[in-house]
Amino acid sequence: MSSNNKSNIKKYGYPQLFVSNNSGTLNLEIAFEIPVIFSGPDSKNLCSSQANEPDPNLAFGRAGRILLFKAMEIRKSTPQDIPEIVELLRLSLGESLLPKSEQLWNWKHTENPFGPSPVLLALENKQIVGVRAFLRWNFANQTQVIHACRAVDTAIHPDYQRKGIFTKLTMGLIEEVRNENLDCIFNTPNTQSTLGYLKMGWEKFGKLPLLLRLRFSRKSKSTIPTSDWTLVRDLATKLEHQHELGPGFSTHFQPGYIFWRYENCPLFPYHYLSDGENFLLVFRIKEGKWGNEFRICDLLLSKTLNLSAEKNLQGQLQEAIQQSGCQLISFSGLKSNLALGLKFLPKLSIGPLVTLRQIKHGFVPNEQEWSWSIGDLEVF
C-alpha cells in the first residue's frame, strides 16, 4: 500500500476506498477501523509470530485502533460467473420474495430484448463478495426515445456488508454506462434501500398512482385457463412495431418484447384477452393477504378501438374478472382507462415508489411526462 493511502486513512479516520487502474480492472483497498486494546494475551494475535512485530498486512492508526487492509478487485461479470452470482444472491437476499436461479438471471440479464445487462462484481481472493446489475430498458412517446436502465439485482456477502461496497459498485456501474448514450436510471427501491439511493443522486418521482375497483366474490380460486400465447403471436409482432403511443413515456417495445416479458417470464403466469386484431390486454392474478388482485399489467391497442371492438374487450374483461374470483381490480393511474368500461375509485398513490437518476447532462427525468403501466414497473 502506498504511503499516500496510509496518510489519507490517518487524515480521514473512517473507511476509505482507494482505486488504481491495473490491467483493465480496478484494484480496491478497503480500509476500516476496529477498536483494539493492545494489551493482554489476545494482542499477540494482531502481530506476527516473530519478535512480536506488527503483521505487515495491518497498519496502526491513532489511539488503539487497527486498520485492516484487504485487496479487492472490481471487474465486469462474464457468463462463467453466473452460478456464483446466483449463490451470492441466495446467501445475501434469501428466496422468500422471489426465487433465485440461473434461469431467472439469464431471462433478465441475457435474454432481455433491450440488450444484455451491465454487471459489476467485487471479488476478494477470487471469491465474488458483491454484485450490482442494471437492467436495460427504453421508453418512448410519439416523438422521442429515452434510453434507460433499471437498477435491479444487488447483493453483498454478509461478511462484507456495511463497508461501502454497494455504493462503490453502484457508482462504478453508473460510470460504466455513462458513455453509452444513457439518459437516466430508474428503480422501485424498498424502504430499506431508498435512503441509500437518494444519497447517491436518485430523486423521488413518487408512488405510482393506481386505479382500484373493489368487488365482492364468493369464489376463492381462479378458474381462468392457461393462455396460449401462440394464438396472438402475429398481433404481438404487429404491436411491437406499431401500437398507439400517447404524449407520455412508456415502454418502447422491441421485437420479441411481449413474449419475453409476459409469456417467458419464469416468475408469474400471465394471461391475455384479445380479439386477435385490435387489442391485447395482459393481466395476472396476484395473491394477497386479504384477497386476490386482478392486476391489469398492460393494455395495448393497434389503433383507437371502434365501438364493436371496445364492447368485445369489455365483455371479455368482465368474464375474466368473474372467473378470477378476485376482490380487487387494479390498473395504472397514468394510463387511460376509458376502453375498459370499469368504474374505478379515485386515483390513489399507493403503488411502488419510483426513483430516478439523471445520467445525461441536460436530461431531467422528473421533468418528463411518464405514462408507466403496472407491467413497466412490476418488481421482478
Protein backbone atom coordinates (compact mmCIF):
# COMPACT_ATOMS: atom_id res chain seq x y z
CA MET A 1 0.00 0.00 0.00
CA SER A 2 1.27 3.44 -0.87
CA SER A 3 2.27 5.92 1.82
CA ASN A 4 -0.32 8.32 0.36
CA ASN A 5 -3.10 5.83 1.02
CA LYS A 6 -1.98 5.33 4.62
CA SER A 7 -1.75 9.06 5.24
CA ASN A 8 -5.22 9.53 3.81
CA ILE A 9 -6.59 6.98 6.25
CA LYS A 10 -4.95 8.75 9.17
CA LYS A 11 -6.35 12.03 7.85
CA TYR A 12 -9.96 10.91 7.43
CA GLY A 13 -10.20 8.29 10.16
CA TYR A 14 -13.10 6.36 8.59
CA PRO A 15 -13.50 3.75 5.83
CA GLN A 16 -11.93 4.84 2.57
CA LEU A 17 -11.81 3.21 -0.85
CA PHE A 18 -8.69 3.67 -2.96
CA VAL A 19 -8.83 2.97 -6.68
CA SER A 20 -5.98 2.23 -9.05
CA ASN A 21 -6.03 1.00 -12.62
CA ASN A 22 -4.32 -2.32 -13.20
CA SER A 23 -4.58 -4.19 -16.50
CA GLY A 24 -8.15 -3.19 -17.21
CA THR A 25 -9.52 -3.90 -13.73
CA LEU A 26 -9.90 -1.81 -10.62
CA ASN A 27 -7.92 -2.81 -7.57
CA LEU A 28 -9.59 -1.52 -4.45
CA GLU A 29 -8.10 -1.34 -1.00
CA ILE A 30 -10.81 -1.05 1.61
CA ALA A 31 -9.69 0.30 4.94
CA PHE A 32 -11.83 0.06 8.02
CA GLU A 33 -11.11 0.58 11.69
CA ILE A 34 -11.65 -1.87 14.52
CA PRO A 35 -11.21 -0.67 18.12
CA VAL A 36 -8.49 -2.75 19.77
CA ILE A 37 -6.67 -2.56 23.12
CA PHE A 38 -3.04 -3.51 22.53
CA SER A 39 -2.56 -5.41 25.76
CA GLY A 40 -3.41 -8.76 27.25
CA PRO A 41 -2.96 -12.25 25.81
CA ASP A 42 -5.05 -11.61 22.68
CA SER A 43 -2.82 -8.82 21.49
CA LYS A 44 -0.32 -11.28 20.07
CA ASN A 45 -2.93 -12.37 17.53
CA LEU A 46 -2.60 -8.98 15.91
CA CYS A 47 1.16 -9.38 15.41
CA SER A 48 3.42 -11.72 13.53
CA SER A 49 4.93 -14.63 15.39
CA GLN A 50 8.44 -13.28 15.08
CA ALA A 51 9.61 -10.78 17.71
CA ASN A 52 6.05 -9.61 18.29
CA GLU A 53 6.35 -7.36 15.25
CA PRO A 54 3.25 -5.94 13.61
CA ASP A 55 1.73 -8.02 10.86
CA PRO A 56 2.67 -6.39 7.51
CA ASN A 57 -0.98 -6.57 6.44
CA LEU A 58 -2.01 -4.31 9.34
CA ALA A 59 -1.46 -0.57 9.71
CA PHE A 60 -1.82 1.02 13.10
CA GLY A 61 -3.89 4.17 13.36
CA ARG A 62 -4.42 6.54 16.22
CA ALA A 63 -5.28 5.74 19.84
CA GLY A 64 -5.54 1.98 19.94
CA ARG A 65 -7.16 1.36 16.59
CA ILE A 66 -6.07 -1.03 13.91
CA LEU A 67 -6.59 -0.52 10.20
CA LEU A 68 -7.24 -3.71 8.22
CA PHE A 69 -6.46 -3.61 4.51
CA LYS A 70 -7.91 -6.10 2.10
CA ALA A 71 -7.10 -6.07 -1.61
CA MET A 72 -10.33 -6.16 -3.61
CA GLU A 73 -10.88 -6.41 -7.34
CA ILE A 74 -13.78 -4.81 -9.21
CA ARG A 75 -14.49 -6.12 -12.69
CA LYS A 76 -17.24 -6.75 -15.20
CA SER A 77 -19.03 -10.08 -14.99
CA THR A 78 -18.71 -12.90 -17.52
CA PRO A 79 -21.11 -15.77 -18.31
CA GLN A 80 -18.87 -18.07 -16.27
CA ASP A 81 -19.66 -16.01 -13.14
CA ILE A 82 -23.43 -16.64 -13.23
CA PRO A 83 -23.58 -19.73 -10.94
CA GLU A 84 -21.55 -17.96 -8.24
CA ILE A 85 -23.58 -14.76 -8.64
CA VAL A 86 -26.83 -16.69 -8.10
CA GLU A 87 -25.41 -18.35 -4.99
CA LEU A 88 -24.43 -14.93 -3.61
CA LEU A 89 -27.96 -13.62 -4.26
CA ARG A 90 -29.40 -16.57 -2.36
CA LEU A 91 -26.99 -16.13 0.52
CA SER A 92 -27.48 -12.39 0.81
CA LEU A 93 -31.17 -11.96 -0.03
CA GLY A 94 -32.82 -15.33 0.54
CA GLU A 95 -35.71 -16.57 -1.57
CA SER A 96 -38.75 -15.56 0.47
CA LEU A 97 -39.84 -12.89 -2.06
CA LEU A 98 -38.53 -14.18 -5.39
CA PRO A 99 -36.70 -17.41 -6.22
CA LYS A 100 -33.08 -17.04 -7.31
CA SER A 101 -31.96 -19.23 -10.20
CA GLU A 102 -29.72 -19.22 -13.23
CA GLN A 103 -32.86 -19.39 -15.38
CA LEU A 104 -34.19 -16.17 -13.84
CA TRP A 105 -30.81 -14.43 -14.10
CA ASN A 106 -30.44 -15.35 -17.77
CA TRP A 107 -34.00 -14.29 -18.56
CA LYS A 108 -33.46 -10.88 -17.00
CA HIS A 109 -29.88 -10.12 -17.90
CA THR A 110 -29.05 -12.13 -21.04
CA GLU A 111 -32.30 -12.64 -22.99
CA ASN A 112 -33.65 -9.10 -22.46
CA PRO A 113 -34.54 -7.70 -25.93
CA PHE A 114 -33.16 -4.29 -24.88
CA GLY A 115 -29.73 -5.90 -24.58
CA PRO A 116 -27.55 -7.71 -22.03
CA SER A 117 -27.24 -6.08 -18.62
CA PRO A 118 -24.08 -4.31 -17.46
CA VAL A 119 -22.93 -6.06 -14.28
CA LEU A 120 -20.06 -5.25 -11.91
CA LEU A 121 -18.55 -7.65 -9.38
CA ALA A 122 -16.44 -7.19 -6.27
CA LEU A 123 -14.02 -10.04 -5.56
CA GLU A 124 -11.64 -10.89 -2.76
CA ASN A 125 -9.28 -13.83 -3.08
CA LYS A 126 -11.13 -14.71 -6.31
CA GLN A 127 -14.43 -15.05 -4.43
CA ILE A 128 -17.37 -12.90 -5.52
CA VAL A 129 -18.47 -10.86 -2.50
CA GLY A 130 -20.57 -8.20 -4.24
CA VAL A 131 -22.70 -7.85 -7.39
CA ARG A 132 -24.54 -4.92 -8.97
CA ALA A 133 -26.66 -5.18 -12.14
CA PHE A 134 -28.58 -2.66 -14.25
CA LEU A 135 -31.41 -3.93 -16.46
CA ARG A 136 -31.59 -2.17 -19.84
CA TRP A 137 -34.99 -0.62 -20.59
CA ASN A 138 -36.12 2.02 -23.08
CA PHE A 139 -39.18 4.26 -23.04
CA ALA A 140 -40.87 6.15 -25.87
CA ASN A 141 -43.64 8.61 -26.61
CA GLN A 142 -44.89 9.80 -30.00
CA THR A 143 -41.65 11.58 -30.91
CA GLN A 144 -38.76 10.54 -28.63
CA VAL A 145 -37.00 7.51 -27.16
CA ILE A 146 -35.46 7.53 -23.68
CA HIS A 147 -32.55 5.14 -23.18
CA ALA A 148 -32.58 3.94 -19.59
CA CYS A 149 -31.52 1.24 -17.19
CA ARG A 150 -33.29 -0.13 -14.15
CA ALA A 151 -31.17 -0.65 -11.03
CA VAL A 152 -32.10 -4.18 -10.07
CA ASP A 153 -30.12 -7.09 -8.63
CA THR A 154 -27.58 -6.20 -5.99
CA ALA A 155 -26.13 -8.33 -3.22
CA ILE A 156 -23.22 -8.13 -0.79
CA HIS A 157 -21.86 -11.14 1.07
CA PRO A 158 -22.97 -10.95 4.75
CA ASP A 159 -19.34 -10.81 5.90
CA TYR A 160 -18.69 -7.73 3.73
CA GLN A 161 -21.78 -5.64 4.33
CA ARG A 162 -21.70 -2.08 5.69
CA LYS A 163 -18.26 -1.46 4.19
CA GLY A 164 -19.31 0.75 1.28
CA ILE A 165 -19.13 -1.95 -1.40
CA PHE A 166 -22.76 -1.45 -2.50
CA THR A 167 -22.16 2.26 -3.07
CA LYS A 168 -18.87 1.73 -4.89
CA LEU A 169 -20.34 -0.91 -7.19
CA THR A 170 -23.39 1.24 -7.97
CA MET A 171 -21.40 4.41 -8.65
CA GLY A 172 -18.84 2.43 -10.62
CA LEU A 173 -21.55 0.95 -12.83
CA ILE A 174 -23.01 4.41 -13.42
CA GLU A 175 -19.64 5.47 -14.79
CA GLU A 176 -19.56 2.36 -16.97
CA VAL A 177 -22.88 3.21 -18.65
CA ARG A 178 -22.40 6.98 -18.78
CA ASN A 179 -20.66 6.68 -22.16
CA GLU A 180 -23.45 4.56 -23.69
CA ASN A 181 -25.83 7.42 -24.56
CA LEU A 182 -27.91 6.60 -21.49
CA ASP A 183 -30.41 9.21 -20.34
CA CYS A 184 -31.36 8.02 -16.88
CA ILE A 185 -31.64 5.18 -14.38
CA PHE A 186 -34.86 4.27 -12.63
CA ASN A 187 -35.90 1.77 -9.99
CA THR A 188 -38.51 0.95 -7.36
CA PRO A 189 -36.48 0.64 -4.13
CA ASN A 190 -37.80 -0.79 -0.89
CA THR A 191 -37.91 1.23 2.32
CA GLN A 192 -34.54 -0.11 3.48
CA SER A 193 -32.62 0.98 0.38
CA THR A 194 -34.40 4.22 -0.58
CA LEU A 195 -32.23 6.49 1.57
CA GLY A 196 -29.06 4.98 0.12
CA TYR A 197 -30.20 5.69 -3.41
CA LEU A 198 -31.15 9.26 -2.55
CA LYS A 199 -27.64 9.80 -1.17
CA MET A 200 -26.24 8.59 -4.50
CA GLY A 201 -28.18 11.16 -6.51
CA TRP A 202 -31.55 9.48 -7.13
CA GLU A 203 -34.67 11.63 -6.80
CA LYS A 204 -38.18 10.58 -5.88
CA PHE A 205 -40.85 10.61 -8.56
CA GLY A 206 -43.37 9.38 -6.02
CA LYS A 207 -45.55 6.31 -5.78
CA LEU A 208 -47.22 5.03 -8.91
CA PRO A 209 -50.88 6.14 -8.79
CA LEU A 210 -53.31 3.26 -9.10
CA LEU A 211 -56.93 2.93 -10.13
CA LEU A 212 -58.72 0.37 -7.96
CA ARG A 213 -62.11 -1.30 -8.12
CA LEU A 214 -63.43 -3.39 -5.25
CA ARG A 215 -65.85 -6.25 -5.73
CA PHE A 216 -67.45 -8.94 -3.62
CA SER A 217 -66.79 -12.51 -4.68
CA ARG A 218 -67.79 -15.80 -3.11
CA LYS A 219 -65.15 -17.61 -5.14
CA SER A 220 -61.74 -18.18 -3.59
CA LYS A 221 -59.94 -19.75 -6.54
CA SER A 222 -59.44 -18.67 -10.12
CA THR A 223 -60.80 -20.83 -12.93
CA ILE A 224 -59.06 -18.87 -15.68
CA PRO A 225 -57.37 -21.29 -18.11
CA THR A 226 -53.73 -21.01 -19.09
CA SER A 227 -53.27 -18.62 -22.00
CA ASP A 228 -51.93 -19.96 -25.29
CA TRP A 229 -49.66 -17.13 -26.38
CA THR A 230 -49.01 -18.66 -29.79
CA LEU A 231 -52.54 -17.62 -30.78
CA VAL A 232 -51.62 -13.92 -30.58
CA ARG A 233 -48.12 -14.14 -31.98
CA ASP A 234 -48.99 -12.24 -35.14
CA LEU A 235 -50.78 -9.49 -33.20
CA ALA A 236 -47.88 -9.23 -30.73
CA THR A 237 -45.42 -8.81 -33.60
CA LYS A 238 -47.67 -6.13 -35.09
CA LEU A 239 -47.95 -4.28 -31.76
CA GLU A 240 -44.19 -4.37 -31.24
CA HIS A 241 -43.76 -2.48 -34.50
CA GLN A 242 -46.84 -0.30 -34.34
CA HIS A 243 -49.11 0.44 -31.41
CA GLU A 244 -50.77 3.58 -30.14
CA LEU A 245 -48.41 5.88 -28.25
CA GLY A 246 -49.51 8.89 -26.26
CA PRO A 247 -47.62 12.01 -25.19
CA GLY A 248 -46.31 10.26 -22.08
CA PHE A 249 -43.34 7.88 -21.93
CA SER A 250 -43.98 4.15 -21.57
CA THR A 251 -42.01 1.06 -22.59
CA HIS A 252 -40.57 1.26 -26.09
CA PHE A 253 -41.38 -2.17 -27.47
CA GLN A 254 -38.62 -4.11 -29.18
CA PRO A 255 -39.12 -7.17 -31.41
CA GLY A 256 -39.76 -10.10 -29.07
CA TYR A 257 -40.54 -7.91 -26.06
CA ILE A 258 -44.11 -9.11 -25.40
CA PHE A 259 -43.20 -12.77 -25.34
CA TRP A 260 -40.02 -12.15 -23.35
CA ARG A 261 -41.81 -10.02 -20.77
CA TYR A 262 -45.02 -11.98 -20.38
CA GLU A 263 -45.04 -15.44 -21.97
CA ASN A 264 -41.49 -16.43 -21.00
CA CYS A 265 -41.40 -14.80 -17.55
CA PRO A 266 -40.30 -17.54 -15.10
CA LEU A 267 -41.81 -15.76 -12.07
CA PHE A 268 -45.56 -15.47 -12.70
CA PRO A 269 -48.12 -16.86 -15.14
CA TYR A 270 -49.57 -14.04 -17.26
CA HIS A 271 -52.86 -14.18 -19.14
CA TYR A 272 -54.24 -12.16 -22.01
CA LEU A 273 -57.50 -11.02 -23.58
CA SER A 274 -57.59 -10.24 -27.31
CA ASP A 275 -59.66 -10.18 -30.47
CA GLY A 276 -56.56 -11.15 -32.43
CA GLU A 277 -56.53 -7.88 -34.36
CA ASN A 278 -57.10 -4.70 -32.36
CA PHE A 279 -56.21 -5.15 -28.69
CA LEU A 280 -54.11 -7.18 -26.29
CA LEU A 281 -54.82 -6.86 -22.57
CA VAL A 282 -52.27 -8.56 -20.31
CA PHE A 283 -53.12 -9.43 -16.71
CA ARG A 284 -52.15 -11.71 -13.86
CA ILE A 285 -53.74 -12.91 -10.64
CA LYS A 286 -51.75 -11.70 -7.65
CA GLU A 287 -52.44 -13.48 -4.40
CA GLY A 288 -52.76 -11.19 -1.39
CA LYS A 289 -53.26 -11.48 2.34
CA TRP A 290 -56.76 -10.01 2.19
CA GLY A 291 -57.80 -11.47 -1.16
CA ASN A 292 -56.66 -11.82 -4.73
CA GLU A 293 -55.95 -8.95 -7.13
CA PHE A 294 -56.82 -8.86 -10.82
CA ARG A 295 -53.82 -6.85 -11.98
CA ILE A 296 -54.13 -5.32 -15.44
CA CYS A 297 -50.48 -5.01 -16.45
CA ASP A 298 -50.78 -3.65 -19.98
CA LEU A 299 -53.45 -2.65 -22.48
CA LEU A 300 -52.02 -2.47 -26.00
CA LEU A 301 -54.02 -1.16 -28.93
CA SER A 302 -53.13 -1.33 -32.61
CA LYS A 303 -55.40 1.67 -33.15
CA THR A 304 -58.23 3.51 -31.44
CA LEU A 305 -60.96 0.94 -30.83
CA ASN A 306 -64.26 1.27 -32.64
CA LEU A 307 -67.46 0.61 -30.70
CA SER A 308 -67.61 -3.08 -31.66
CA ALA A 309 -64.00 -3.78 -30.61
CA GLU A 310 -64.48 -1.84 -27.38
CA LYS A 311 -67.57 -3.88 -26.45
CA ASN A 312 -65.63 -7.07 -27.26
CA LEU A 313 -62.81 -6.02 -24.90
CA GLN A 314 -65.21 -5.08 -22.10
CA GLY A 315 -67.17 -8.31 -22.43
CA GLN A 316 -64.01 -10.46 -22.26
CA LEU A 317 -62.75 -8.43 -19.30
CA GLN A 318 -65.97 -8.82 -17.29
CA GLU A 319 -65.97 -12.58 -17.92
CA ALA A 320 -62.31 -12.93 -16.88
CA ILE A 321 -62.90 -10.95 -13.68
CA GLN A 322 -65.82 -13.24 -12.80
CA GLN A 323 -63.69 -16.34 -13.45
CA SER A 324 -60.82 -14.97 -11.38
CA GLY A 325 -62.76 -14.67 -8.13
CA CYS A 326 -60.67 -11.59 -7.33
CA GLN A 327 -61.81 -8.99 -4.81
CA LEU A 328 -59.69 -6.19 -6.30
CA ILE A 329 -59.01 -4.93 -9.82
CA SER A 330 -56.02 -2.64 -10.36
CA PHE A 331 -54.79 -0.52 -13.28
CA SER A 332 -52.16 2.19 -13.65
CA GLY A 333 -53.41 5.67 -12.85
CA LEU A 334 -51.07 7.06 -15.53
CA LYS A 335 -52.96 5.30 -18.33
CA SER A 336 -56.32 5.98 -19.95
CA ASN A 337 -58.90 3.52 -18.66
CA LEU A 338 -61.85 4.54 -20.86
CA ALA A 339 -61.72 1.46 -23.08
CA LEU A 340 -62.00 -0.85 -20.05
CA GLY A 341 -65.50 0.28 -19.15
CA LEU A 342 -64.87 -0.14 -15.42
CA LYS A 343 -65.80 2.30 -12.68
CA PHE A 344 -62.74 2.83 -10.51
CA LEU A 345 -62.19 4.62 -7.23
CA PRO A 346 -60.32 7.95 -7.45
CA LYS A 347 -56.60 7.60 -8.07
CA LEU A 348 -54.58 6.54 -5.06
CA SER A 349 -50.79 6.97 -4.87
CA ILE A 350 -50.19 3.58 -3.29
CA GLY A 351 -48.17 1.79 -5.97
CA PRO A 352 -44.43 1.19 -5.88
CA LEU A 353 -42.18 4.17 -5.09
CA VAL A 354 -40.30 5.20 -8.24
CA THR A 355 -36.91 6.91 -8.05
CA LEU A 356 -34.92 8.34 -10.96
CA ARG A 357 -31.32 9.38 -11.51
CA GLN A 358 -30.04 11.67 -14.23
CA ILE A 359 -27.18 10.35 -16.37
CA LYS A 360 -27.09 12.51 -19.50
CA HIS A 361 -26.28 16.15 -18.94
CA GLY A 362 -29.33 18.32 -19.56
CA PHE A 363 -31.84 15.47 -19.27
CA VAL A 364 -34.02 15.90 -16.18
CA PRO A 365 -36.01 12.70 -15.51
CA ASN A 366 -38.54 14.28 -13.17
CA GLU A 367 -39.49 16.85 -15.81
CA GLN A 368 -40.64 14.17 -18.26
CA GLU A 369 -44.27 13.12 -18.71
CA TRP A 370 -44.25 9.50 -17.63
CA SER A 371 -47.05 7.11 -18.57
CA TRP A 372 -45.95 3.85 -16.96
CA SER A 373 -48.17 0.79 -16.93
CA ILE A 374 -48.07 -1.61 -13.99
CA GLY A 375 -46.20 -4.01 -16.26
CA ASP A 376 -43.49 -1.40 -16.80
CA LEU A 377 -42.72 -1.20 -13.09
CA GLU A 378 -43.57 -4.59 -11.57
CA VAL A 379 -40.84 -5.84 -9.26
CA PHE A 380 -39.01 -8.82 -10.70
